[in-house]
Amino acid sequence: TDVIDKDLRDADGFNFDFGYRGNILGWINFDVSYFYLNYNNRIGSIRKFVNDDPTQNTYLFRTNLGTTVHKGIESFLDLNLSKAMKVNQQIGDIQFFTTLSLIDAQYTDFKITQTTGTAPNIQLTESNLKGNRVENAPRYIHNFGITWSYKHFSSTIQNRRTGMVYSDANNTETPTSNGVTGKLDGYSVYDFSIEYAFLEKFNLRGGINNLSNTI
């Protein structure tokens, strides 16, 4: 299903990030940061027709797609509710936590060749899909959860939310029959985990992913 460009080149780029973390009142922990990544000669896949004939099947062509810019904000917040109410010594630590990631990943230079017509009367036109979203890069990734820990025992339940993504650089909306390209919807799942520590050296862990059996 894949063909590799024989003229594939190395990618290069640069990135930076900065942020701030701290603690307030002894029961609020936070971390927030901004990141920026410039990625040149990005390697990725685009959908092409066999022999450039729109009447035939498609395949993924892995090549240098162009330049992409990834930027966004990542944050973390943890609230120890039982410590805030000064009852953590009696009932343990009850902590609410959340991680929020907001991501903007786009092509700033993305030249492609499009085909129209049927063989042998095929016309090739070049265009630039600047502004297309980078494949497999959701606009957001969020986690919300609560943890209870007391002495040697702890348990956590969390909700993970991820936005929709495109599986190819063309940003194909309708999935192909073979499922190689197309838009993948976002999802939200609940996970549960439990842990028990004993004898100072051993831990027992267990958990259930996708607790609500979301499809």
N, C-alpha and C. Protein backbone atom coordinates (compact mmCIF):
# COMPACT_ATOMS: atom_id res chain seq x y z
N THR A 1 0.81 -1.23 0.00
CA THR A 1 0.00 0.00 0.00
C THR A 1 0.84 1.26 0.00
N ASP A 2 2.16 1.15 0.22
CA ASP A 2 3.02 2.33 0.30
C ASP A 2 4.13 2.28 -0.75
N VAL A 3 4.48 3.46 -1.25
CA VAL A 3 5.62 3.60 -2.16
C VAL A 3 6.52 4.69 -1.60
N ILE A 4 7.83 4.46 -1.55
CA ILE A 4 8.78 5.41 -0.99
C ILE A 4 9.42 6.22 -2.12
N ASP A 5 9.47 7.52 -1.94
CA ASP A 5 10.11 8.41 -2.90
C ASP A 5 11.61 8.12 -2.94
N LYS A 6 12.14 7.80 -4.15
CA LYS A 6 13.56 7.49 -4.27
C LYS A 6 14.43 8.72 -4.03
N ASP A 7 13.86 9.94 -4.09
CA ASP A 7 14.62 11.17 -3.84
C ASP A 7 14.35 11.75 -2.46
N LEU A 8 13.95 10.91 -1.52
CA LEU A 8 13.64 11.35 -0.16
C LEU A 8 14.84 12.04 0.47
N ARG A 9 14.62 13.20 1.10
CA ARG A 9 15.70 13.97 1.72
C ARG A 9 15.52 14.02 3.24
N ASP A 10 16.62 14.33 3.94
CA ASP A 10 16.56 14.48 5.39
C ASP A 10 15.73 15.70 5.78
N ALA A 11 15.03 15.58 6.89
CA ALA A 11 14.28 16.71 7.43
C ALA A 11 15.17 17.51 8.38
N ASP A 12 14.83 18.78 8.59
CA ASP A 12 15.55 19.61 9.54
C ASP A 12 14.59 20.66 10.09
N GLY A 13 15.02 21.35 11.13
CA GLY A 13 14.16 22.37 11.71
C GLY A 13 14.68 22.85 13.04
N PHE A 14 13.80 23.51 13.79
CA PHE A 14 14.17 24.01 15.11
C PHE A 14 12.92 24.09 15.97
N ASN A 15 13.12 24.15 17.26
CA ASN A 15 11.97 24.28 18.16
C ASN A 15 12.39 25.01 19.43
N PHE A 16 11.43 25.58 20.11
CA PHE A 16 11.67 26.18 21.42
C PHE A 16 10.39 26.10 22.24
N ASP A 17 10.55 26.17 23.53
CA ASP A 17 9.39 26.22 24.41
C ASP A 17 9.78 26.93 25.69
N PHE A 18 8.79 27.51 26.33
CA PHE A 18 9.02 28.14 27.62
C PHE A 18 7.75 28.01 28.45
N GLY A 19 7.92 28.02 29.77
CA GLY A 19 6.76 27.84 30.61
C GLY A 19 7.04 28.24 32.05
N TYR A 20 6.06 27.96 32.90
CA TYR A 20 6.17 28.31 34.31
C TYR A 20 5.44 27.26 35.13
N ARG A 21 6.04 26.86 36.23
CA ARG A 21 5.40 25.89 37.12
C ARG A 21 5.52 26.40 38.55
N GLY A 22 4.61 25.96 39.38
CA GLY A 22 4.66 26.43 40.75
C GLY A 22 3.67 25.71 41.66
N ASN A 23 3.66 26.16 42.91
CA ASN A 23 2.78 25.59 43.93
C ASN A 23 2.15 26.74 44.71
N ILE A 24 0.84 26.65 44.93
CA ILE A 24 0.11 27.69 45.65
C ILE A 24 -0.55 27.07 46.88
N LEU A 25 -0.31 27.66 48.03
CA LEU A 25 -0.95 27.27 49.29
C LEU A 25 -0.62 25.85 49.72
N GLY A 26 0.31 25.21 49.03
CA GLY A 26 0.70 23.87 49.42
C GLY A 26 -0.19 22.76 48.89
N TRP A 27 -1.31 23.10 48.21
CA TRP A 27 -2.21 22.06 47.70
C TRP A 27 -2.62 22.28 46.24
N ILE A 28 -2.07 23.30 45.62
CA ILE A 28 -2.32 23.55 44.19
C ILE A 28 -0.99 23.50 43.45
N ASN A 29 -0.84 22.54 42.55
CA ASN A 29 0.34 22.45 41.69
C ASN A 29 -0.07 22.73 40.25
N PHE A 30 0.74 23.49 39.54
CA PHE A 30 0.39 23.81 38.16
C PHE A 30 1.65 23.91 37.31
N ASP A 31 1.45 23.74 36.02
CA ASP A 31 2.53 23.85 35.03
C ASP A 31 1.89 24.26 33.71
N VAL A 32 2.37 25.32 33.10
CA VAL A 32 1.85 25.78 31.81
C VAL A 32 3.02 26.15 30.92
N SER A 33 2.96 25.76 29.66
CA SER A 33 4.08 26.04 28.75
C SER A 33 3.56 26.27 27.33
N TYR A 34 4.36 26.99 26.57
CA TYR A 34 4.08 27.25 25.15
C TYR A 34 5.21 26.63 24.33
N PHE A 35 4.87 26.01 23.20
CA PHE A 35 5.90 25.40 22.36
C PHE A 35 5.72 25.83 20.91
N TYR A 36 6.83 25.82 20.18
CA TYR A 36 6.83 26.17 18.75
C TYR A 36 7.85 25.28 18.05
N LEU A 37 7.42 24.64 16.96
CA LEU A 37 8.30 23.76 16.19
C LEU A 37 8.18 24.09 14.72
N ASN A 38 9.30 24.39 14.08
CA ASN A 38 9.35 24.60 12.63
C ASN A 38 10.05 23.38 12.01
N TYR A 39 9.36 22.71 11.10
CA TYR A 39 9.81 21.41 10.58
C TYR A 39 9.91 21.52 9.06
N ASN A 40 11.14 21.50 8.53
CA ASN A 40 11.36 21.61 7.09
C ASN A 40 11.53 20.23 6.45
N ASN A 41 11.12 20.12 5.18
CA ASN A 41 11.20 18.85 4.45
C ASN A 41 10.53 17.71 5.21
N ARG A 42 9.41 18.02 5.82
CA ARG A 42 8.70 17.02 6.61
C ARG A 42 8.42 15.78 5.77
N ILE A 43 8.67 14.63 6.37
CA ILE A 43 8.41 13.36 5.69
C ILE A 43 7.02 12.86 6.07
N GLY A 44 6.22 12.58 5.06
CA GLY A 44 4.86 12.11 5.31
C GLY A 44 4.31 11.43 4.08
N SER A 45 3.02 11.19 4.09
CA SER A 45 2.38 10.42 3.01
C SER A 45 1.24 11.19 2.39
N ILE A 46 1.11 11.09 1.08
CA ILE A 46 -0.03 11.64 0.36
C ILE A 46 -0.66 10.53 -0.49
N ARG A 47 -1.92 10.69 -0.77
CA ARG A 47 -2.62 9.69 -1.57
C ARG A 47 -2.43 9.99 -3.05
N LYS A 48 -2.06 8.97 -3.81
CA LYS A 48 -1.89 9.11 -5.25
C LYS A 48 -2.60 7.98 -5.96
N PHE A 49 -2.95 8.22 -7.22
CA PHE A 49 -3.56 7.19 -8.04
C PHE A 49 -2.49 6.34 -8.72
N VAL A 50 -2.76 5.07 -8.88
CA VAL A 50 -1.85 4.19 -9.60
C VAL A 50 -1.71 4.69 -11.03
N ASN A 51 -0.47 4.89 -11.48
CA ASN A 51 -0.18 5.41 -12.82
C ASN A 51 -0.85 6.75 -13.08
N ASP A 52 -1.11 7.51 -12.00
CA ASP A 52 -1.78 8.82 -12.12
C ASP A 52 -3.10 8.72 -12.86
N ASP A 53 -3.77 7.59 -12.74
CA ASP A 53 -5.04 7.35 -13.41
C ASP A 53 -6.16 7.35 -12.36
N PRO A 54 -7.05 8.37 -12.38
CA PRO A 54 -8.11 8.46 -11.38
C PRO A 54 -9.08 7.29 -11.39
N THR A 55 -9.06 6.48 -12.44
CA THR A 55 -9.97 5.33 -12.51
C THR A 55 -9.40 4.12 -11.78
N GLN A 56 -8.13 4.20 -11.36
CA GLN A 56 -7.51 3.07 -10.69
C GLN A 56 -7.46 3.30 -9.17
N ASN A 57 -6.93 2.30 -8.47
CA ASN A 57 -6.84 2.38 -7.01
C ASN A 57 -5.81 3.42 -6.57
N THR A 58 -5.82 3.70 -5.27
CA THR A 58 -4.87 4.67 -4.72
C THR A 58 -3.85 3.97 -3.85
N TYR A 59 -2.76 4.67 -3.59
CA TYR A 59 -1.72 4.18 -2.69
C TYR A 59 -1.13 5.37 -1.96
N LEU A 60 -0.39 5.10 -0.88
CA LEU A 60 0.27 6.16 -0.13
C LEU A 60 1.70 6.35 -0.64
N PHE A 61 2.03 7.58 -1.01
CA PHE A 61 3.36 7.93 -1.50
C PHE A 61 4.08 8.68 -0.40
N ARG A 62 5.15 8.07 0.12
CA ARG A 62 5.90 8.66 1.24
C ARG A 62 7.04 9.51 0.69
N THR A 63 6.97 10.82 0.98
CA THR A 63 7.91 11.75 0.39
C THR A 63 8.09 12.97 1.30
N ASN A 64 8.91 13.93 0.85
CA ASN A 64 9.03 15.20 1.56
C ASN A 64 7.85 16.08 1.19
N LEU A 65 7.05 16.44 2.17
CA LEU A 65 5.81 17.15 1.90
C LEU A 65 5.97 18.66 1.91
N GLY A 66 6.95 19.18 2.64
CA GLY A 66 7.10 20.63 2.72
C GLY A 66 7.40 21.04 4.15
N THR A 67 7.00 22.26 4.48
CA THR A 67 7.29 22.83 5.80
C THR A 67 6.03 22.84 6.66
N THR A 68 6.18 22.46 7.92
CA THR A 68 5.06 22.52 8.85
C THR A 68 5.46 23.33 10.07
N VAL A 69 4.47 23.94 10.68
CA VAL A 69 4.66 24.68 11.93
C VAL A 69 3.70 24.11 12.97
N HIS A 70 4.25 23.70 14.10
CA HIS A 70 3.47 23.17 15.21
C HIS A 70 3.62 24.13 16.39
N LYS A 71 2.52 24.56 16.93
CA LYS A 71 2.57 25.45 18.09
C LYS A 71 1.37 25.19 18.97
N GLY A 72 1.52 25.53 20.23
CA GLY A 72 0.39 25.29 21.12
C GLY A 72 0.75 25.50 22.58
N ILE A 73 -0.21 25.15 23.42
CA ILE A 73 -0.08 25.32 24.87
C ILE A 73 -0.33 23.99 25.55
N GLU A 74 0.52 23.65 26.49
CA GLU A 74 0.33 22.47 27.31
C GLU A 74 0.26 22.90 28.77
N SER A 75 -0.68 22.34 29.52
CA SER A 75 -0.85 22.76 30.91
C SER A 75 -1.23 21.58 31.78
N PHE A 76 -0.92 21.74 33.07
CA PHE A 76 -1.23 20.72 34.07
C PHE A 76 -1.68 21.40 35.35
N LEU A 77 -2.72 20.85 35.96
CA LEU A 77 -3.23 21.39 37.22
C LEU A 77 -3.59 20.24 38.14
N ASP A 78 -3.13 20.32 39.39
CA ASP A 78 -3.42 19.29 40.39
C ASP A 78 -3.90 19.97 41.66
N LEU A 79 -5.09 19.57 42.12
CA LEU A 79 -5.68 20.13 43.34
C LEU A 79 -5.82 19.02 44.38
N ASN A 80 -5.15 19.16 45.51
CA ASN A 80 -5.28 18.19 46.59
C ASN A 80 -6.42 18.67 47.50
N LEU A 81 -7.62 18.16 47.23
CA LEU A 81 -8.82 18.66 47.91
C LEU A 81 -8.82 18.32 49.40
N SER A 82 -8.40 17.13 49.76
CA SER A 82 -8.42 16.75 51.17
C SER A 82 -7.37 17.54 51.97
N LYS A 83 -6.25 17.86 51.31
CA LYS A 83 -5.24 18.67 51.98
C LYS A 83 -5.73 20.10 52.17
N ALA A 84 -6.50 20.59 51.19
CA ALA A 84 -7.06 21.94 51.31
C ALA A 84 -8.03 22.02 52.48
N MET A 85 -8.77 20.94 52.72
CA MET A 85 -9.74 20.90 53.82
C MET A 85 -9.12 20.38 55.11
N LYS A 86 -7.79 20.07 55.06
CA LYS A 86 -7.04 19.61 56.23
C LYS A 86 -7.59 18.33 56.83
N VAL A 87 -8.01 17.41 55.97
CA VAL A 87 -8.49 16.11 56.42
C VAL A 87 -7.70 14.97 55.78
N ASN A 88 -6.60 15.29 55.13
CA ASN A 88 -5.84 14.26 54.43
C ASN A 88 -5.22 13.24 55.39
N GLN A 89 -4.93 13.64 56.63
CA GLN A 89 -4.39 12.69 57.58
C GLN A 89 -5.42 11.64 57.97
N GLN A 90 -6.69 12.01 57.94
CA GLN A 90 -7.76 11.08 58.33
C GLN A 90 -8.26 10.23 57.17
N ILE A 91 -8.41 10.81 55.98
CA ILE A 91 -9.03 10.09 54.87
C ILE A 91 -8.08 9.86 53.70
N GLY A 92 -6.86 10.36 53.77
CA GLY A 92 -5.93 10.21 52.66
C GLY A 92 -6.00 11.40 51.71
N ASP A 93 -5.28 11.29 50.62
CA ASP A 93 -5.22 12.38 49.63
C ASP A 93 -6.24 12.15 48.53
N ILE A 94 -7.08 13.15 48.31
CA ILE A 94 -8.01 13.14 47.19
C ILE A 94 -7.58 14.26 46.25
N GLN A 95 -7.07 13.87 45.09
CA GLN A 95 -6.49 14.84 44.16
C GLN A 95 -7.26 14.85 42.84
N PHE A 96 -7.65 16.05 42.45
CA PHE A 96 -8.25 16.24 41.12
C PHE A 96 -7.15 16.78 40.21
N PHE A 97 -7.02 16.19 39.02
CA PHE A 97 -5.97 16.63 38.10
C PHE A 97 -6.53 16.78 36.69
N THR A 98 -5.89 17.63 35.93
CA THR A 98 -6.26 17.82 34.52
C THR A 98 -5.03 18.22 33.73
N THR A 99 -4.92 17.72 32.53
CA THR A 99 -3.90 18.15 31.58
C THR A 99 -4.62 18.62 30.32
N LEU A 100 -4.26 19.79 29.85
CA LEU A 100 -4.91 20.37 28.67
C LEU A 100 -3.84 20.69 27.64
N SER A 101 -4.02 20.19 26.44
CA SER A 101 -3.09 20.47 25.34
C SER A 101 -3.88 21.01 24.15
N LEU A 102 -3.54 22.21 23.73
CA LEU A 102 -4.15 22.83 22.56
C LEU A 102 -3.08 22.94 21.49
N ILE A 103 -3.33 22.36 20.33
CA ILE A 103 -2.29 22.20 19.32
C ILE A 103 -2.76 22.76 17.97
N ASP A 104 -1.90 23.52 17.34
CA ASP A 104 -2.15 24.02 15.98
C ASP A 104 -0.98 23.56 15.12
N ALA A 105 -1.21 22.56 14.26
CA ALA A 105 -0.16 22.00 13.41
C ALA A 105 -0.62 22.10 11.96
N GLN A 106 0.05 22.94 11.17
CA GLN A 106 -0.36 23.19 9.79
C GLN A 106 0.84 23.18 8.86
N TYR A 107 0.55 22.90 7.59
CA TYR A 107 1.55 23.04 6.54
C TYR A 107 1.60 24.50 6.12
N THR A 108 2.79 25.05 6.07
CA THR A 108 2.96 26.43 5.58
C THR A 108 3.47 26.44 4.14
N ASP A 109 3.93 25.28 3.66
CA ASP A 109 4.35 25.13 2.27
C ASP A 109 4.15 23.67 1.89
N PHE A 110 3.21 23.40 0.99
CA PHE A 110 2.84 22.02 0.68
C PHE A 110 2.44 21.95 -0.80
N LYS A 111 3.43 21.71 -1.66
CA LYS A 111 3.19 21.65 -3.10
C LYS A 111 2.84 20.23 -3.52
N ILE A 112 1.76 20.09 -4.29
CA ILE A 112 1.36 18.78 -4.78
C ILE A 112 0.97 18.88 -6.25
N THR A 113 0.93 17.74 -6.90
CA THR A 113 0.48 17.65 -8.28
C THR A 113 -0.83 16.90 -8.31
N GLN A 114 -1.84 17.50 -8.90
CA GLN A 114 -3.16 16.89 -8.98
C GLN A 114 -3.43 16.42 -10.40
N THR A 115 -4.21 15.36 -10.52
CA THR A 115 -4.56 14.80 -11.82
C THR A 115 -6.05 14.95 -12.07
N THR A 116 -6.40 15.22 -13.30
CA THR A 116 -7.80 15.27 -13.72
C THR A 116 -7.93 14.54 -15.05
N GLY A 117 -9.13 14.04 -15.30
CA GLY A 117 -9.36 13.30 -16.53
C GLY A 117 -9.03 11.84 -16.38
N THR A 118 -9.18 11.08 -17.47
CA THR A 118 -8.88 9.66 -17.48
C THR A 118 -7.84 9.36 -18.55
N ALA A 119 -7.11 8.28 -18.31
CA ALA A 119 -6.05 7.90 -19.25
C ALA A 119 -6.67 7.58 -20.62
N PRO A 120 -6.01 7.96 -21.73
CA PRO A 120 -4.69 8.62 -21.79
C PRO A 120 -4.78 10.16 -21.74
N ASN A 121 -5.97 10.71 -21.53
CA ASN A 121 -6.16 12.17 -21.52
C ASN A 121 -6.13 12.70 -20.09
N ILE A 122 -4.96 12.64 -19.47
CA ILE A 122 -4.79 13.08 -18.08
C ILE A 122 -4.07 14.43 -18.06
N GLN A 123 -4.59 15.35 -17.28
CA GLN A 123 -3.96 16.64 -17.11
C GLN A 123 -3.40 16.76 -15.70
N LEU A 124 -2.18 17.28 -15.61
CA LEU A 124 -1.52 17.45 -14.33
C LEU A 124 -1.46 18.93 -13.98
N THR A 125 -1.87 19.28 -12.77
CA THR A 125 -1.81 20.67 -12.31
C THR A 125 -1.14 20.70 -10.94
N GLU A 126 -0.30 21.71 -10.73
CA GLU A 126 0.41 21.84 -9.46
C GLU A 126 -0.29 22.87 -8.59
N SER A 127 -0.44 22.56 -7.31
CA SER A 127 -1.07 23.48 -6.38
C SER A 127 -0.35 23.41 -5.04
N ASN A 128 -0.66 24.34 -4.18
CA ASN A 128 -0.04 24.39 -2.86
C ASN A 128 -1.13 24.33 -1.80
N LEU A 129 -1.11 23.30 -1.00
CA LEU A 129 -2.14 23.10 0.02
C LEU A 129 -1.72 23.72 1.35
N LYS A 130 -1.19 24.93 1.28
CA LYS A 130 -0.83 25.65 2.49
C LYS A 130 -2.05 25.79 3.39
N GLY A 131 -1.88 25.53 4.66
CA GLY A 131 -3.00 25.62 5.59
C GLY A 131 -3.61 24.27 5.94
N ASN A 132 -3.25 23.22 5.20
CA ASN A 132 -3.74 21.88 5.56
C ASN A 132 -3.20 21.46 6.92
N ARG A 133 -3.99 20.70 7.64
CA ARG A 133 -3.57 20.22 8.95
C ARG A 133 -2.61 19.06 8.81
N VAL A 134 -1.62 18.99 9.70
CA VAL A 134 -0.66 17.91 9.71
C VAL A 134 -1.36 16.62 10.11
N GLU A 135 -1.02 15.53 9.42
CA GLU A 135 -1.68 14.26 9.68
C GLU A 135 -1.38 13.75 11.09
N ASN A 136 -2.39 13.11 11.67
CA ASN A 136 -2.29 12.50 13.01
C ASN A 136 -1.99 13.51 14.11
N ALA A 137 -2.34 14.78 13.89
CA ALA A 137 -2.13 15.83 14.91
C ALA A 137 -3.48 16.41 15.31
N PRO A 138 -4.04 15.98 16.43
CA PRO A 138 -5.34 16.51 16.87
C PRO A 138 -5.21 17.94 17.37
N ARG A 139 -6.29 18.68 17.36
CA ARG A 139 -6.28 20.06 17.86
C ARG A 139 -6.22 20.09 19.39
N TYR A 140 -6.66 19.04 20.03
CA TYR A 140 -6.60 19.02 21.49
C TYR A 140 -6.43 17.60 22.01
N ILE A 141 -5.76 17.49 23.15
CA ILE A 141 -5.64 16.25 23.91
C ILE A 141 -5.84 16.62 25.38
N HIS A 142 -6.94 16.18 25.98
CA HIS A 142 -7.26 16.55 27.34
C HIS A 142 -7.40 15.31 28.22
N ASN A 143 -7.00 15.45 29.47
CA ASN A 143 -7.20 14.41 30.48
C ASN A 143 -7.80 15.04 31.73
N PHE A 144 -8.82 14.40 32.28
CA PHE A 144 -9.43 14.84 33.52
C PHE A 144 -9.53 13.62 34.43
N GLY A 145 -9.18 13.77 35.70
CA GLY A 145 -9.25 12.60 36.56
C GLY A 145 -9.20 12.94 38.03
N ILE A 146 -9.39 11.91 38.85
CA ILE A 146 -9.33 12.05 40.29
C ILE A 146 -8.63 10.82 40.87
N THR A 147 -7.76 11.05 41.83
CA THR A 147 -6.99 9.99 42.47
C THR A 147 -7.24 10.01 43.98
N TRP A 148 -7.45 8.83 44.55
CA TRP A 148 -7.55 8.71 46.00
C TRP A 148 -6.43 7.78 46.46
N SER A 149 -5.62 8.26 47.39
CA SER A 149 -4.53 7.44 47.92
C SER A 149 -4.54 7.51 49.45
N TYR A 150 -4.40 6.36 50.06
CA TYR A 150 -4.40 6.28 51.53
C TYR A 150 -3.47 5.15 51.95
N LYS A 151 -2.45 5.54 52.69
CA LYS A 151 -1.43 4.58 53.14
C LYS A 151 -0.84 3.84 51.94
N HIS A 152 -1.07 2.53 51.82
CA HIS A 152 -0.44 1.75 50.75
C HIS A 152 -1.34 1.57 49.53
N PHE A 153 -2.50 2.18 49.54
CA PHE A 153 -3.50 1.93 48.50
C PHE A 153 -3.77 3.21 47.72
N SER A 154 -3.97 3.08 46.41
CA SER A 154 -4.36 4.22 45.60
C SER A 154 -5.17 3.75 44.40
N SER A 155 -6.07 4.60 43.93
CA SER A 155 -6.87 4.30 42.74
C SER A 155 -7.13 5.59 41.98
N THR A 156 -7.27 5.45 40.66
CA THR A 156 -7.45 6.61 39.78
C THR A 156 -8.48 6.29 38.71
N ILE A 157 -9.32 7.26 38.43
CA ILE A 157 -10.20 7.18 37.29
C ILE A 157 -10.02 8.46 36.49
N GLN A 158 -9.88 8.31 35.19
CA GLN A 158 -9.63 9.48 34.37
C GLN A 158 -10.38 9.38 33.04
N ASN A 159 -10.67 10.54 32.49
CA ASN A 159 -11.32 10.66 31.19
C ASN A 159 -10.31 11.26 30.20
N ARG A 160 -10.08 10.56 29.10
CA ARG A 160 -9.16 11.03 28.06
C ARG A 160 -9.96 11.46 26.83
N ARG A 161 -9.69 12.67 26.36
CA ARG A 161 -10.39 13.21 25.20
C ARG A 161 -9.37 13.63 24.15
N THR A 162 -9.60 13.19 22.92
CA THR A 162 -8.71 13.52 21.82
C THR A 162 -9.53 13.97 20.62
N GLY A 163 -9.09 15.04 19.96
CA GLY A 163 -9.80 15.57 18.82
C GLY A 163 -9.59 14.73 17.57
N MET A 164 -10.36 15.04 16.52
CA MET A 164 -10.25 14.31 15.26
C MET A 164 -8.92 14.59 14.59
N VAL A 165 -8.50 13.66 13.72
CA VAL A 165 -7.25 13.80 12.97
C VAL A 165 -7.47 13.36 11.53
N TYR A 166 -6.59 13.81 10.67
CA TYR A 166 -6.51 13.29 9.30
C TYR A 166 -5.35 12.31 9.24
N SER A 167 -5.53 11.20 8.56
CA SER A 167 -4.48 10.19 8.47
C SER A 167 -3.55 10.42 7.29
N ASP A 168 -3.84 11.43 6.47
CA ASP A 168 -2.97 11.74 5.34
C ASP A 168 -2.84 13.26 5.19
N ALA A 169 -1.77 13.68 4.53
CA ALA A 169 -1.50 15.11 4.39
C ALA A 169 -2.46 15.81 3.45
N ASN A 170 -3.17 15.05 2.62
CA ASN A 170 -4.18 15.65 1.74
C ASN A 170 -5.40 16.12 2.51
N ASN A 171 -5.53 15.70 3.78
CA ASN A 171 -6.72 15.98 4.58
C ASN A 171 -7.96 15.41 3.93
N THR A 172 -7.87 14.17 3.50
CA THR A 172 -8.99 13.48 2.87
C THR A 172 -10.14 13.33 3.86
N GLU A 173 -11.33 13.78 3.47
CA GLU A 173 -12.48 13.72 4.37
C GLU A 173 -13.08 12.31 4.42
N THR A 174 -13.35 11.73 3.26
CA THR A 174 -14.02 10.43 3.21
C THR A 174 -12.99 9.31 3.21
N PRO A 175 -13.06 8.38 4.15
CA PRO A 175 -12.08 7.29 4.18
C PRO A 175 -12.14 6.45 2.91
N THR A 176 -10.98 5.95 2.48
CA THR A 176 -10.94 5.07 1.33
C THR A 176 -11.43 3.69 1.71
N SER A 177 -11.73 2.86 0.71
CA SER A 177 -12.27 1.53 0.98
C SER A 177 -11.29 0.64 1.73
N ASN A 178 -9.98 0.88 1.53
CA ASN A 178 -9.00 0.07 2.25
C ASN A 178 -8.62 0.65 3.59
N GLY A 179 -9.20 1.81 3.94
CA GLY A 179 -8.98 2.41 5.25
C GLY A 179 -7.62 3.05 5.44
N VAL A 180 -6.86 3.23 4.36
CA VAL A 180 -5.52 3.79 4.48
C VAL A 180 -5.57 5.29 4.74
N THR A 181 -6.46 6.00 4.07
CA THR A 181 -6.56 7.45 4.24
C THR A 181 -7.97 7.85 4.64
N GLY A 182 -8.10 9.06 5.18
CA GLY A 182 -9.41 9.56 5.57
C GLY A 182 -9.38 10.20 6.94
N LYS A 183 -10.49 10.81 7.31
CA LYS A 183 -10.61 11.49 8.60
C LYS A 183 -10.99 10.50 9.69
N LEU A 184 -10.32 10.62 10.84
CA LEU A 184 -10.63 9.79 12.00
C LEU A 184 -11.24 10.67 13.08
N ASP A 185 -12.43 10.31 13.52
CA ASP A 185 -13.14 11.11 14.51
C ASP A 185 -12.43 11.10 15.86
N GLY A 186 -12.66 12.15 16.64
CA GLY A 186 -12.13 12.21 17.99
C GLY A 186 -12.83 11.20 18.88
N TYR A 187 -12.32 11.02 20.09
CA TYR A 187 -12.91 10.03 20.99
C TYR A 187 -12.75 10.47 22.44
N SER A 188 -13.54 9.87 23.29
CA SER A 188 -13.49 10.12 24.73
C SER A 188 -13.67 8.78 25.44
N VAL A 189 -12.69 8.41 26.28
CA VAL A 189 -12.75 7.14 26.99
C VAL A 189 -12.42 7.35 28.46
N TYR A 190 -12.90 6.42 29.30
CA TYR A 190 -12.61 6.42 30.73
C TYR A 190 -11.70 5.24 31.06
N ASP A 191 -10.69 5.50 31.88
CA ASP A 191 -9.78 4.45 32.33
C ASP A 191 -9.78 4.40 33.86
N PHE A 192 -9.59 3.19 34.38
CA PHE A 192 -9.55 3.00 35.84
C PHE A 192 -8.31 2.19 36.19
N SER A 193 -7.61 2.60 37.25
CA SER A 193 -6.42 1.86 37.69
C SER A 193 -6.40 1.80 39.21
N ILE A 194 -5.71 0.80 39.73
CA ILE A 194 -5.63 0.58 41.17
C ILE A 194 -4.24 0.04 41.49
N GLU A 195 -3.72 0.39 42.67
CA GLU A 195 -2.38 -0.04 43.04
C GLU A 195 -2.30 -0.26 44.56
N TYR A 196 -1.56 -1.28 44.94
CA TYR A 196 -1.33 -1.57 46.35
C TYR A 196 0.15 -1.87 46.55
N ALA A 197 0.78 -1.15 47.49
CA ALA A 197 2.20 -1.34 47.80
C ALA A 197 2.34 -2.08 49.12
N PHE A 198 3.28 -3.03 49.17
CA PHE A 198 3.47 -3.77 50.41
C PHE A 198 4.93 -4.20 50.53
N LEU A 199 5.34 -4.42 51.77
CA LEU A 199 6.69 -4.87 52.10
C LEU A 199 7.76 -3.91 51.57
N GLU A 200 7.38 -2.68 51.30
CA GLU A 200 8.28 -1.61 50.90
C GLU A 200 8.97 -1.83 49.55
N LYS A 201 8.84 -3.00 48.98
CA LYS A 201 9.55 -3.29 47.73
C LYS A 201 8.64 -3.78 46.61
N PHE A 202 7.38 -4.05 46.93
CA PHE A 202 6.52 -4.67 45.94
C PHE A 202 5.27 -3.83 45.69
N ASN A 203 4.81 -3.86 44.46
CA ASN A 203 3.56 -3.18 44.08
C ASN A 203 2.69 -4.13 43.27
N LEU A 204 1.42 -4.09 43.55
CA LEU A 204 0.42 -4.79 42.73
C LEU A 204 -0.40 -3.74 41.99
N ARG A 205 -0.46 -3.85 40.69
CA ARG A 205 -1.20 -2.88 39.89
C ARG A 205 -2.20 -3.59 39.00
N GLY A 206 -3.30 -2.92 38.78
CA GLY A 206 -4.32 -3.43 37.85
C GLY A 206 -5.11 -2.27 37.28
N GLY A 207 -5.83 -2.53 36.22
CA GLY A 207 -6.60 -1.45 35.62
C GLY A 207 -7.49 -1.92 34.50
N ILE A 208 -8.39 -1.06 34.12
CA ILE A 208 -9.29 -1.33 32.99
C ILE A 208 -9.25 -0.11 32.08
N ASN A 209 -8.82 -0.30 30.86
CA ASN A 209 -8.86 0.76 29.86
C ASN A 209 -10.21 0.77 29.16
N ASN A 210 -10.67 1.95 28.81
CA ASN A 210 -11.97 2.11 28.14
C ASN A 210 -13.07 1.46 28.99
N LEU A 211 -13.20 1.96 30.21
CA LEU A 211 -14.11 1.38 31.19
C LEU A 211 -15.55 1.33 30.69
N SER A 212 -15.96 2.35 29.93
CA SER A 212 -17.35 2.41 29.44
C SER A 212 -17.54 1.68 28.12
N ASN A 213 -16.49 1.01 27.63
CA ASN A 213 -16.55 0.25 26.39
C ASN A 213 -17.03 1.11 25.22
N THR A 214 -16.46 2.31 25.13
CA THR A 214 -16.80 3.21 24.04
C THR A 214 -16.20 2.72 22.73
N ILE A 215 -17.00 2.73 21.67
CA ILE A 215 -16.53 2.28 20.35
C ILE A 215 -16.26 3.48 19.46
